[in-house]
Amino acid sequence: MRNRGIFTAVAVIVLGMGFSACSLKNDRPVLGPNEVVISDDGETVITSTKEVQKAPALSIEWNTTKNVWRISQDLLKYYKYGGTVYVSGQLKVSAGVNNIAYDKVVGIRYTTDNWKTYKDYNGYWTSYNSAANTDTFDILSESTIQPGKTVKYAIYYKVSGKTYWDNNNGLNYTAQF
């Protein structure tokens, strides 16, 4: 109970300083599947369409065969003018990794032009599963993906001098904006 009081005090102080709850974590709201949020300016509407990949049962066999895997992808679409004009989008990917070492980087490499160019974005840690000894990370792309673009991506996990990839068994993951 003592920690809850500290968190509440910090939240009250931070929110009292003029920060919104969204600004505490990458300036993006956390949306569930098919949720809609209107931004502070009253003109930008954010919608979420979540695609969840069925997670494999975490077992010793699973943990020894793959060190990084996709849990879900979420397409955040930004609308203006009361939700009538779709202006841009952002990809949010949740990834699971085996906890090989404390220091690690998890991210996505993605392209919108069929790999002529690509961008890497690192994620942030969200949770630890002690029973499976795994961590979960959320990764956000830039928020300027144009409507109609197809994003292809793979997930990387850098730990202990090695890089592990999940590229959907060579097919790459895709998201249509």
N, C-alpha and C. Protein backbone atom coordinates (compact mmCIF):
# COMPACT_ATOMS: atom_id res chain seq x y z
N MET A 1 0.82 -1.20 0.00
CA MET A 1 0.00 0.00 0.00
C MET A 1 0.86 1.26 0.00
N ARG A 2 2.04 1.16 0.58
CA ARG A 2 2.92 2.33 0.65
C ARG A 2 3.30 2.80 -0.75
N ASN A 3 3.62 1.86 -1.66
CA ASN A 3 3.99 2.24 -3.02
C ASN A 3 2.84 2.91 -3.75
N ARG A 4 1.61 2.47 -3.52
CA ARG A 4 0.46 3.07 -4.19
C ARG A 4 0.35 4.54 -3.81
N GLY A 5 0.60 4.86 -2.55
CA GLY A 5 0.55 6.25 -2.10
C GLY A 5 1.61 7.10 -2.77
N ILE A 6 2.81 6.53 -2.95
CA ILE A 6 3.89 7.26 -3.62
C ILE A 6 3.51 7.51 -5.07
N PHE A 7 2.97 6.49 -5.75
CA PHE A 7 2.57 6.65 -7.14
C PHE A 7 1.49 7.72 -7.26
N THR A 8 0.51 7.67 -6.38
CA THR A 8 -0.57 8.66 -6.41
C THR A 8 -0.02 10.06 -6.22
N ALA A 9 0.91 10.21 -5.28
CA ALA A 9 1.50 11.52 -5.03
C ALA A 9 2.25 12.02 -6.25
N VAL A 10 3.04 11.14 -6.89
CA VAL A 10 3.78 11.52 -8.09
C VAL A 10 2.81 11.88 -9.20
N ALA A 11 1.76 11.09 -9.38
CA ALA A 11 0.79 11.36 -10.44
C ALA A 11 0.11 12.71 -10.21
N VAL A 12 -0.24 13.01 -8.98
CA VAL A 12 -0.89 14.28 -8.67
C VAL A 12 0.06 15.44 -8.94
N ILE A 13 1.33 15.29 -8.55
CA ILE A 13 2.31 16.35 -8.79
C ILE A 13 2.51 16.56 -10.28
N VAL A 14 2.73 15.47 -11.03
CA VAL A 14 2.98 15.58 -12.46
C VAL A 14 1.76 16.13 -13.17
N LEU A 15 0.58 15.59 -12.88
CA LEU A 15 -0.62 16.08 -13.56
C LEU A 15 -0.93 17.51 -13.16
N GLY A 16 -0.58 17.88 -11.93
CA GLY A 16 -0.78 19.25 -11.47
C GLY A 16 0.15 20.23 -12.15
N MET A 17 1.25 19.73 -12.74
CA MET A 17 2.21 20.59 -13.43
C MET A 17 1.78 20.85 -14.87
N GLY A 18 0.64 20.32 -15.28
CA GLY A 18 0.15 20.60 -16.63
C GLY A 18 0.43 19.51 -17.63
N PHE A 19 1.01 18.40 -17.21
CA PHE A 19 1.23 17.29 -18.12
C PHE A 19 -0.06 16.50 -18.24
N SER A 20 -0.32 15.99 -19.42
CA SER A 20 -1.46 15.09 -19.56
C SER A 20 -0.96 13.68 -19.30
N ALA A 21 -1.86 12.77 -19.03
CA ALA A 21 -1.46 11.38 -18.78
C ALA A 21 -0.75 10.81 -20.00
N CYS A 22 -1.13 11.24 -21.20
CA CYS A 22 -0.49 10.73 -22.41
C CYS A 22 0.96 11.17 -22.51
N SER A 23 1.30 12.33 -21.99
CA SER A 23 2.66 12.83 -22.13
C SER A 23 3.64 12.09 -21.25
N LEU A 24 3.16 11.29 -20.33
CA LEU A 24 4.07 10.55 -19.46
C LEU A 24 4.69 9.36 -20.17
N LYS A 25 4.10 8.87 -21.25
CA LYS A 25 4.60 7.69 -21.93
C LYS A 25 4.56 7.92 -23.44
N ASN A 26 5.62 8.46 -23.98
CA ASN A 26 5.79 8.65 -25.42
C ASN A 26 4.70 9.49 -26.08
N ASP A 27 4.01 10.34 -25.34
CA ASP A 27 2.99 11.23 -25.90
C ASP A 27 1.92 10.51 -26.69
N ARG A 28 1.67 9.25 -26.40
CA ARG A 28 0.64 8.50 -27.11
C ARG A 28 -0.26 7.82 -26.10
N PRO A 29 -1.56 7.88 -26.31
CA PRO A 29 -2.47 7.18 -25.41
C PRO A 29 -2.37 5.68 -25.65
N VAL A 30 -2.70 4.91 -24.64
CA VAL A 30 -2.75 3.46 -24.78
C VAL A 30 -4.19 3.13 -25.15
N LEU A 31 -4.37 2.57 -26.33
CA LEU A 31 -5.70 2.27 -26.82
C LEU A 31 -5.91 0.77 -26.88
N GLY A 32 -7.08 0.34 -26.55
CA GLY A 32 -7.46 -1.05 -26.72
C GLY A 32 -7.95 -1.25 -28.14
N PRO A 33 -8.33 -2.48 -28.48
CA PRO A 33 -8.82 -2.76 -29.83
C PRO A 33 -10.03 -1.90 -30.18
N ASN A 34 -10.00 -1.29 -31.35
CA ASN A 34 -11.11 -0.52 -31.90
C ASN A 34 -11.58 0.62 -31.00
N GLU A 35 -10.67 1.24 -30.28
CA GLU A 35 -11.01 2.39 -29.44
C GLU A 35 -10.75 3.68 -30.21
N VAL A 36 -11.40 4.75 -29.79
CA VAL A 36 -11.24 6.06 -30.40
C VAL A 36 -10.97 7.07 -29.30
N VAL A 37 -10.00 7.98 -29.54
CA VAL A 37 -9.67 9.03 -28.59
C VAL A 37 -9.60 10.34 -29.36
N ILE A 38 -10.09 11.42 -28.78
CA ILE A 38 -9.96 12.75 -29.37
C ILE A 38 -8.86 13.47 -28.61
N SER A 39 -7.91 14.05 -29.34
CA SER A 39 -6.76 14.70 -28.71
C SER A 39 -7.17 16.00 -28.04
N ASP A 40 -6.19 16.58 -27.32
CA ASP A 40 -6.43 17.83 -26.59
C ASP A 40 -6.84 18.99 -27.50
N ASP A 41 -6.38 18.97 -28.78
CA ASP A 41 -6.74 20.07 -29.67
C ASP A 41 -8.19 19.97 -30.17
N GLY A 42 -8.85 18.85 -29.88
CA GLY A 42 -10.24 18.67 -30.26
C GLY A 42 -10.46 18.37 -31.72
N GLU A 43 -9.37 18.32 -32.50
CA GLU A 43 -9.50 18.09 -33.93
C GLU A 43 -8.89 16.78 -34.39
N THR A 44 -7.95 16.23 -33.65
CA THR A 44 -7.30 15.00 -34.07
C THR A 44 -7.98 13.83 -33.38
N VAL A 45 -8.48 12.91 -34.18
CA VAL A 45 -9.11 11.71 -33.65
C VAL A 45 -8.15 10.56 -33.90
N ILE A 46 -7.89 9.77 -32.88
CA ILE A 46 -6.98 8.64 -32.99
C ILE A 46 -7.81 7.37 -32.86
N THR A 47 -7.70 6.49 -33.85
CA THR A 47 -8.39 5.21 -33.75
C THR A 47 -7.36 4.10 -33.70
N SER A 48 -7.77 2.98 -33.15
CA SER A 48 -6.88 1.84 -33.01
C SER A 48 -7.54 0.60 -33.58
N THR A 49 -6.82 -0.11 -34.42
CA THR A 49 -7.27 -1.40 -34.92
C THR A 49 -6.19 -2.39 -34.54
N LYS A 50 -6.49 -3.28 -33.64
CA LYS A 50 -5.47 -4.17 -33.10
C LYS A 50 -5.58 -5.56 -33.71
N GLU A 51 -4.44 -6.09 -34.13
CA GLU A 51 -4.35 -7.46 -34.62
C GLU A 51 -3.48 -8.22 -33.64
N VAL A 52 -4.03 -9.22 -33.01
CA VAL A 52 -3.29 -9.98 -32.01
C VAL A 52 -2.95 -11.34 -32.59
N GLN A 53 -1.66 -11.66 -32.55
CA GLN A 53 -1.22 -12.97 -32.99
C GLN A 53 -1.37 -13.93 -31.83
N LYS A 54 -1.90 -15.10 -32.09
CA LYS A 54 -2.06 -16.07 -31.02
C LYS A 54 -0.67 -16.43 -30.50
N ALA A 55 -0.45 -16.15 -29.24
CA ALA A 55 0.85 -16.40 -28.65
C ALA A 55 1.03 -17.90 -28.43
N PRO A 56 2.20 -18.41 -28.71
CA PRO A 56 2.43 -19.83 -28.46
C PRO A 56 2.46 -20.08 -26.96
N ALA A 57 2.14 -21.29 -26.59
CA ALA A 57 2.25 -21.66 -25.18
C ALA A 57 3.71 -21.57 -24.79
N LEU A 58 4.00 -20.84 -23.74
CA LEU A 58 5.38 -20.69 -23.32
C LEU A 58 5.83 -21.96 -22.62
N SER A 59 6.77 -22.61 -23.21
CA SER A 59 7.29 -23.85 -22.66
C SER A 59 8.80 -23.84 -22.84
N ILE A 60 9.45 -24.81 -22.29
CA ILE A 60 10.90 -24.91 -22.44
C ILE A 60 11.25 -25.05 -23.92
N GLU A 61 10.48 -25.84 -24.67
CA GLU A 61 10.76 -26.01 -26.10
C GLU A 61 10.66 -24.68 -26.84
N TRP A 62 9.62 -23.89 -26.53
CA TRP A 62 9.45 -22.60 -27.19
C TRP A 62 10.61 -21.68 -26.87
N ASN A 63 10.98 -21.58 -25.61
CA ASN A 63 12.03 -20.65 -25.21
C ASN A 63 13.38 -21.00 -25.79
N THR A 64 13.62 -22.25 -26.13
CA THR A 64 14.92 -22.61 -26.69
C THR A 64 14.94 -22.52 -28.22
N THR A 65 13.79 -22.37 -28.86
CA THR A 65 13.78 -22.32 -30.31
C THR A 65 13.71 -20.90 -30.87
N LYS A 66 13.20 -19.96 -30.11
CA LYS A 66 13.05 -18.60 -30.61
C LYS A 66 13.27 -17.62 -29.47
N ASN A 67 14.06 -16.58 -29.70
CA ASN A 67 14.35 -15.62 -28.64
C ASN A 67 13.56 -14.33 -28.75
N VAL A 68 12.88 -14.11 -29.87
CA VAL A 68 12.06 -12.91 -30.04
C VAL A 68 10.85 -13.29 -30.88
N TRP A 69 9.67 -12.76 -30.51
CA TRP A 69 8.46 -13.06 -31.25
C TRP A 69 7.48 -11.91 -31.13
N ARG A 70 6.61 -11.80 -32.14
CA ARG A 70 5.58 -10.76 -32.13
C ARG A 70 4.40 -11.24 -31.31
N ILE A 71 3.90 -10.36 -30.45
CA ILE A 71 2.70 -10.64 -29.68
C ILE A 71 1.49 -10.02 -30.38
N SER A 72 1.62 -8.75 -30.79
CA SER A 72 0.50 -8.08 -31.47
C SER A 72 1.01 -6.89 -32.26
N GLN A 73 0.17 -6.40 -33.17
CA GLN A 73 0.44 -5.14 -33.84
C GLN A 73 -0.84 -4.31 -33.76
N ASP A 74 -0.65 -3.02 -33.66
CA ASP A 74 -1.76 -2.09 -33.48
C ASP A 74 -1.55 -0.94 -34.46
N LEU A 75 -2.54 -0.66 -35.29
CA LEU A 75 -2.46 0.45 -36.23
C LEU A 75 -3.16 1.65 -35.62
N LEU A 76 -2.39 2.69 -35.33
CA LEU A 76 -2.95 3.93 -34.80
C LEU A 76 -3.14 4.88 -35.98
N LYS A 77 -4.36 5.29 -36.23
CA LYS A 77 -4.66 6.15 -37.37
C LYS A 77 -5.13 7.50 -36.84
N TYR A 78 -4.52 8.57 -37.36
CA TYR A 78 -4.80 9.92 -36.90
C TYR A 78 -5.69 10.65 -37.91
N TYR A 79 -6.80 11.17 -37.41
CA TYR A 79 -7.80 11.87 -38.22
C TYR A 79 -7.90 13.32 -37.77
N LYS A 80 -8.23 14.20 -38.69
CA LYS A 80 -8.46 15.62 -38.37
C LYS A 80 -9.91 15.98 -38.69
N TYR A 81 -10.30 17.16 -38.24
CA TYR A 81 -11.60 17.75 -38.54
C TYR A 81 -12.74 16.84 -38.12
N GLY A 82 -12.74 16.51 -36.83
CA GLY A 82 -13.84 15.72 -36.28
C GLY A 82 -13.86 14.29 -36.77
N GLY A 83 -12.73 13.80 -37.22
CA GLY A 83 -12.65 12.41 -37.65
C GLY A 83 -12.98 12.17 -39.10
N THR A 84 -13.01 13.22 -39.92
CA THR A 84 -13.41 13.05 -41.31
C THR A 84 -12.23 12.92 -42.28
N VAL A 85 -11.04 13.37 -41.90
CA VAL A 85 -9.89 13.33 -42.81
C VAL A 85 -8.76 12.53 -42.15
N TYR A 86 -8.40 11.40 -42.77
CA TYR A 86 -7.33 10.53 -42.29
C TYR A 86 -6.01 11.14 -42.73
N VAL A 87 -5.17 11.56 -41.78
CA VAL A 87 -3.96 12.29 -42.14
C VAL A 87 -2.68 11.49 -42.01
N SER A 88 -2.59 10.58 -41.06
CA SER A 88 -1.38 9.77 -40.93
C SER A 88 -1.63 8.62 -39.98
N GLY A 89 -0.63 7.75 -39.89
CA GLY A 89 -0.76 6.60 -39.01
C GLY A 89 0.54 6.27 -38.33
N GLN A 90 0.45 5.35 -37.39
CA GLN A 90 1.60 4.91 -36.62
C GLN A 90 1.42 3.44 -36.30
N LEU A 91 2.51 2.69 -36.37
CA LEU A 91 2.49 1.27 -36.07
C LEU A 91 2.98 1.05 -34.65
N LYS A 92 2.24 0.27 -33.89
CA LYS A 92 2.67 -0.13 -32.54
C LYS A 92 2.74 -1.65 -32.53
N VAL A 93 3.92 -2.16 -32.17
CA VAL A 93 4.14 -3.60 -32.12
C VAL A 93 4.51 -3.99 -30.70
N SER A 94 3.90 -5.05 -30.21
CA SER A 94 4.30 -5.64 -28.92
C SER A 94 5.09 -6.89 -29.23
N ALA A 95 6.26 -7.01 -28.59
CA ALA A 95 7.14 -8.15 -28.84
C ALA A 95 7.55 -8.80 -27.53
N GLY A 96 7.68 -10.11 -27.56
CA GLY A 96 8.17 -10.85 -26.41
C GLY A 96 9.58 -11.33 -26.68
N VAL A 97 10.41 -11.36 -25.63
CA VAL A 97 11.78 -11.84 -25.76
C VAL A 97 12.13 -12.71 -24.56
N ASN A 98 13.01 -13.68 -24.80
CA ASN A 98 13.57 -14.43 -23.68
C ASN A 98 14.52 -13.51 -22.93
N ASN A 99 14.50 -13.58 -21.62
CA ASN A 99 15.33 -12.71 -20.80
C ASN A 99 16.74 -13.29 -20.70
N ILE A 100 17.54 -13.07 -21.72
CA ILE A 100 18.89 -13.61 -21.77
C ILE A 100 19.83 -12.82 -20.88
N ALA A 101 19.69 -11.50 -20.87
CA ALA A 101 20.52 -10.63 -20.03
C ALA A 101 19.74 -9.36 -19.73
N TYR A 102 20.21 -8.63 -18.72
CA TYR A 102 19.51 -7.40 -18.31
C TYR A 102 19.56 -6.34 -19.41
N ASP A 103 20.75 -6.08 -19.97
CA ASP A 103 20.90 -5.05 -21.00
C ASP A 103 20.46 -5.61 -22.34
N LYS A 104 19.46 -4.99 -22.93
CA LYS A 104 18.92 -5.46 -24.21
C LYS A 104 18.26 -4.32 -24.95
N VAL A 105 18.16 -4.47 -26.25
CA VAL A 105 17.45 -3.51 -27.10
C VAL A 105 16.50 -4.32 -27.98
N VAL A 106 15.24 -3.91 -27.99
CA VAL A 106 14.23 -4.57 -28.82
C VAL A 106 13.59 -3.49 -29.68
N GLY A 107 13.45 -3.76 -30.97
CA GLY A 107 12.88 -2.75 -31.86
C GLY A 107 12.35 -3.35 -33.14
N ILE A 108 11.95 -2.46 -34.05
CA ILE A 108 11.49 -2.89 -35.36
C ILE A 108 12.32 -2.20 -36.44
N ARG A 109 12.55 -2.92 -37.51
CA ARG A 109 13.10 -2.35 -38.74
C ARG A 109 11.96 -2.40 -39.74
N TYR A 110 11.61 -1.23 -40.30
CA TYR A 110 10.46 -1.22 -41.19
C TYR A 110 10.72 -0.38 -42.43
N THR A 111 9.91 -0.63 -43.45
CA THR A 111 10.00 0.07 -44.72
C THR A 111 8.59 0.39 -45.22
N THR A 112 8.48 1.47 -45.96
CA THR A 112 7.22 1.79 -46.65
C THR A 112 7.42 1.79 -48.16
N ASP A 113 8.64 1.42 -48.63
CA ASP A 113 8.94 1.42 -50.06
C ASP A 113 9.60 0.12 -50.51
N ASN A 114 9.17 -0.99 -49.91
CA ASN A 114 9.64 -2.33 -50.28
C ASN A 114 11.15 -2.49 -50.13
N TRP A 115 11.71 -1.97 -49.05
CA TRP A 115 13.10 -2.12 -48.63
C TRP A 115 14.11 -1.30 -49.43
N LYS A 116 13.65 -0.31 -50.21
CA LYS A 116 14.60 0.62 -50.82
C LYS A 116 15.26 1.44 -49.72
N THR A 117 14.45 1.80 -48.72
CA THR A 117 14.95 2.47 -47.51
C THR A 117 14.26 1.81 -46.32
N TYR A 118 14.85 1.99 -45.15
CA TYR A 118 14.22 1.46 -43.94
C TYR A 118 14.60 2.32 -42.75
N LYS A 119 13.84 2.16 -41.67
CA LYS A 119 14.10 2.86 -40.42
C LYS A 119 14.06 1.86 -39.28
N ASP A 120 14.91 2.10 -38.29
CA ASP A 120 14.92 1.30 -37.07
C ASP A 120 14.37 2.14 -35.93
N TYR A 121 13.47 1.57 -35.16
CA TYR A 121 12.94 2.23 -33.96
C TYR A 121 13.02 1.26 -32.79
N ASN A 122 13.66 1.71 -31.71
CA ASN A 122 13.76 0.90 -30.50
C ASN A 122 12.49 1.03 -29.67
N GLY A 123 12.19 -0.02 -28.94
CA GLY A 123 11.00 -0.04 -28.11
C GLY A 123 11.29 0.27 -26.66
N TYR A 124 10.28 0.15 -25.84
CA TYR A 124 10.42 0.36 -24.40
C TYR A 124 9.83 -0.85 -23.67
N TRP A 125 10.44 -1.18 -22.53
CA TRP A 125 10.04 -2.33 -21.73
C TRP A 125 8.67 -2.07 -21.11
N THR A 126 7.81 -3.11 -21.11
CA THR A 126 6.50 -2.96 -20.49
C THR A 126 6.22 -3.95 -19.37
N SER A 127 6.79 -5.18 -19.46
CA SER A 127 6.50 -6.15 -18.39
C SER A 127 7.48 -7.31 -18.41
N TYR A 128 7.50 -8.02 -17.28
CA TYR A 128 8.34 -9.21 -17.10
C TYR A 128 7.45 -10.35 -16.63
N ASN A 129 7.63 -11.53 -17.20
CA ASN A 129 6.91 -12.74 -16.79
C ASN A 129 7.92 -13.66 -16.12
N SER A 130 7.88 -13.73 -14.79
CA SER A 130 8.88 -14.52 -14.06
C SER A 130 8.71 -16.01 -14.29
N ALA A 131 7.50 -16.48 -14.52
CA ALA A 131 7.28 -17.91 -14.74
C ALA A 131 7.96 -18.39 -16.03
N ALA A 132 7.95 -17.56 -17.05
CA ALA A 132 8.55 -17.92 -18.34
C ALA A 132 9.92 -17.27 -18.55
N ASN A 133 10.33 -16.36 -17.64
CA ASN A 133 11.56 -15.59 -17.77
C ASN A 133 11.62 -14.84 -19.10
N THR A 134 10.53 -14.12 -19.40
CA THR A 134 10.44 -13.35 -20.63
C THR A 134 10.07 -11.90 -20.32
N ASP A 135 10.42 -11.01 -21.24
CA ASP A 135 10.07 -9.59 -21.15
C ASP A 135 9.18 -9.24 -22.33
N THR A 136 8.36 -8.23 -22.15
CA THR A 136 7.53 -7.70 -23.22
C THR A 136 7.93 -6.24 -23.47
N PHE A 137 8.04 -5.89 -24.75
CA PHE A 137 8.39 -4.54 -25.17
C PHE A 137 7.33 -4.03 -26.13
N ASP A 138 7.06 -2.73 -26.09
CA ASP A 138 6.22 -2.07 -27.08
C ASP A 138 7.12 -1.18 -27.93
N ILE A 139 6.89 -1.19 -29.24
CA ILE A 139 7.69 -0.42 -30.18
C ILE A 139 6.74 0.42 -31.02
N LEU A 140 7.04 1.71 -31.14
CA LEU A 140 6.24 2.63 -31.95
C LEU A 140 7.07 3.12 -33.14
N SER A 141 6.48 3.10 -34.32
CA SER A 141 7.12 3.70 -35.49
C SER A 141 6.91 5.21 -35.42
N GLU A 142 7.41 5.92 -36.43
CA GLU A 142 7.10 7.34 -36.53
C GLU A 142 5.59 7.48 -36.74
N SER A 143 5.06 8.63 -36.44
CA SER A 143 3.60 8.82 -36.53
C SER A 143 3.18 9.52 -37.81
N THR A 144 4.00 9.43 -38.85
CA THR A 144 3.71 10.13 -40.10
C THR A 144 3.53 9.18 -41.28
N ILE A 145 3.14 7.95 -41.03
CA ILE A 145 2.93 7.00 -42.13
C ILE A 145 1.67 7.42 -42.88
N GLN A 146 1.82 7.60 -44.18
CA GLN A 146 0.74 8.14 -45.01
C GLN A 146 -0.35 7.09 -45.27
N PRO A 147 -1.60 7.55 -45.40
CA PRO A 147 -2.70 6.65 -45.73
C PRO A 147 -2.40 5.90 -47.04
N GLY A 148 -2.77 4.64 -47.09
CA GLY A 148 -2.55 3.83 -48.27
C GLY A 148 -1.21 3.11 -48.31
N LYS A 149 -0.29 3.48 -47.44
CA LYS A 149 1.04 2.85 -47.43
C LYS A 149 0.96 1.46 -46.82
N THR A 150 1.79 0.56 -47.35
CA THR A 150 1.97 -0.76 -46.75
C THR A 150 3.30 -0.75 -46.03
N VAL A 151 3.29 -1.12 -44.78
CA VAL A 151 4.50 -1.19 -43.98
C VAL A 151 4.91 -2.66 -43.88
N LYS A 152 6.17 -2.93 -44.18
CA LYS A 152 6.74 -4.26 -43.95
C LYS A 152 7.76 -4.11 -42.84
N TYR A 153 7.79 -5.08 -41.93
CA TYR A 153 8.72 -4.94 -40.82
C TYR A 153 9.16 -6.29 -40.26
N ALA A 154 10.27 -6.21 -39.53
CA ALA A 154 10.80 -7.35 -38.77
C ALA A 154 11.17 -6.82 -37.39
N ILE A 155 11.19 -7.71 -36.42
CA ILE A 155 11.51 -7.34 -35.04
C ILE A 155 12.93 -7.80 -34.74
N TYR A 156 13.72 -6.94 -34.10
CA TYR A 156 15.07 -7.34 -33.69
C TYR A 156 15.21 -7.29 -32.17
N TYR A 157 16.15 -8.11 -31.69
CA TYR A 157 16.44 -8.22 -30.25
C TYR A 157 17.95 -8.30 -30.13
N LYS A 158 18.56 -7.25 -29.59
CA LYS A 158 20.02 -7.19 -29.42
C LYS A 158 20.34 -7.41 -27.95
N VAL A 159 21.14 -8.47 -27.69
CA VAL A 159 21.48 -8.82 -26.32
C VAL A 159 22.79 -9.61 -26.32
N SER A 160 23.65 -9.33 -25.37
CA SER A 160 24.91 -10.06 -25.18
C SER A 160 25.73 -10.17 -26.47
N GLY A 161 25.78 -9.09 -27.25
CA GLY A 161 26.59 -9.07 -28.46
C GLY A 161 25.98 -9.80 -29.65
N LYS A 162 24.76 -10.28 -29.54
CA LYS A 162 24.08 -10.98 -30.64
C LYS A 162 22.81 -10.24 -31.00
N THR A 163 22.37 -10.43 -32.25
CA THR A 163 21.10 -9.88 -32.70
C THR A 163 20.22 -11.03 -33.19
N TYR A 164 19.02 -11.12 -32.63
CA TYR A 164 18.03 -12.12 -33.03
C TYR A 164 16.93 -11.41 -33.80
N TRP A 165 16.36 -12.08 -34.80
CA TRP A 165 15.32 -11.49 -35.64
C TRP A 165 14.07 -12.35 -35.65
N ASP A 166 12.92 -11.70 -35.74
CA ASP A 166 11.66 -12.36 -36.07
C ASP A 166 11.12 -11.63 -37.29
N ASN A 167 11.22 -12.29 -38.44
CA ASN A 167 10.74 -11.69 -39.69
C ASN A 167 9.59 -12.50 -40.28
N ASN A 168 8.81 -13.14 -39.41
CA ASN A 168 7.65 -13.91 -39.84
C ASN A 168 8.07 -15.04 -40.78
N ASN A 169 9.11 -15.75 -40.37
CA ASN A 169 9.63 -16.88 -41.16
C ASN A 169 10.01 -16.49 -42.58
N GLY A 170 10.66 -15.32 -42.72
CA GLY A 170 11.14 -14.86 -44.02
C GLY A 170 10.12 -14.09 -44.84
N LEU A 171 8.89 -13.98 -44.36
CA LEU A 171 7.84 -13.29 -45.11
C LEU A 171 7.70 -11.82 -44.74
N ASN A 172 8.30 -11.39 -43.66
CA ASN A 172 8.13 -10.07 -43.05
C ASN A 172 6.67 -9.90 -42.60
N TYR A 173 6.51 -9.12 -41.56
CA TYR A 173 5.17 -8.75 -41.11
C TYR A 173 4.71 -7.57 -41.95
N THR A 174 3.42 -7.42 -42.15
CA THR A 174 2.90 -6.30 -42.93
C THR A 174 1.75 -5.62 -42.19
N ALA A 175 1.59 -4.35 -42.48
CA ALA A 175 0.48 -3.56 -41.94
C ALA A 175 0.04 -2.60 -43.04
N GLN A 176 -1.24 -2.57 -43.33
CA GLN A 176 -1.78 -1.71 -44.37
C GLN A 176 -2.45 -0.49 -43.74
N PHE A 177 -1.96 0.70 -44.09
CA PHE A 177 -2.55 1.94 -43.55
C PHE A 177 -3.52 2.55 -44.52
